[in-house]
């Protein structure tokens, strides 16, 4: 899913007044978490570039999580919108969906990629 596809889908699913720039920052935060907590803990993680998304980022940029796990972005944005709107019950629901999607992707990634091992020194 690209940044633009994600923004278009969330604006259709959950109309909101937040700027495109703000939503891109939220996406950048999520991909930063995914890169640090999941991808970089496995071999080859360093080969997947991520420097964050800013206002100058092309909206055609592919997000890090592939289908069918890419709905994580919609749940993340939905939970952010609900949180900042002060809709706590809705936030709790959307955040639960986000957490389930995050866990599902993390499990998939862990099954599909070899974790980095620690090197031990014997004296």
Foldseek 3Di string as FASTA:
>chain_A
DFQVVLVVVLCVVPPDDDDSQVLQQLLQVVLVCCLVVALVQFPPSVVDDHDGDGPPHPRRDDRDQDPPLVCLSSLSSQLVRCVVVVVVVSNVVSVVVNVVSVVVSRVVSPVVTHGDDDDDDDD
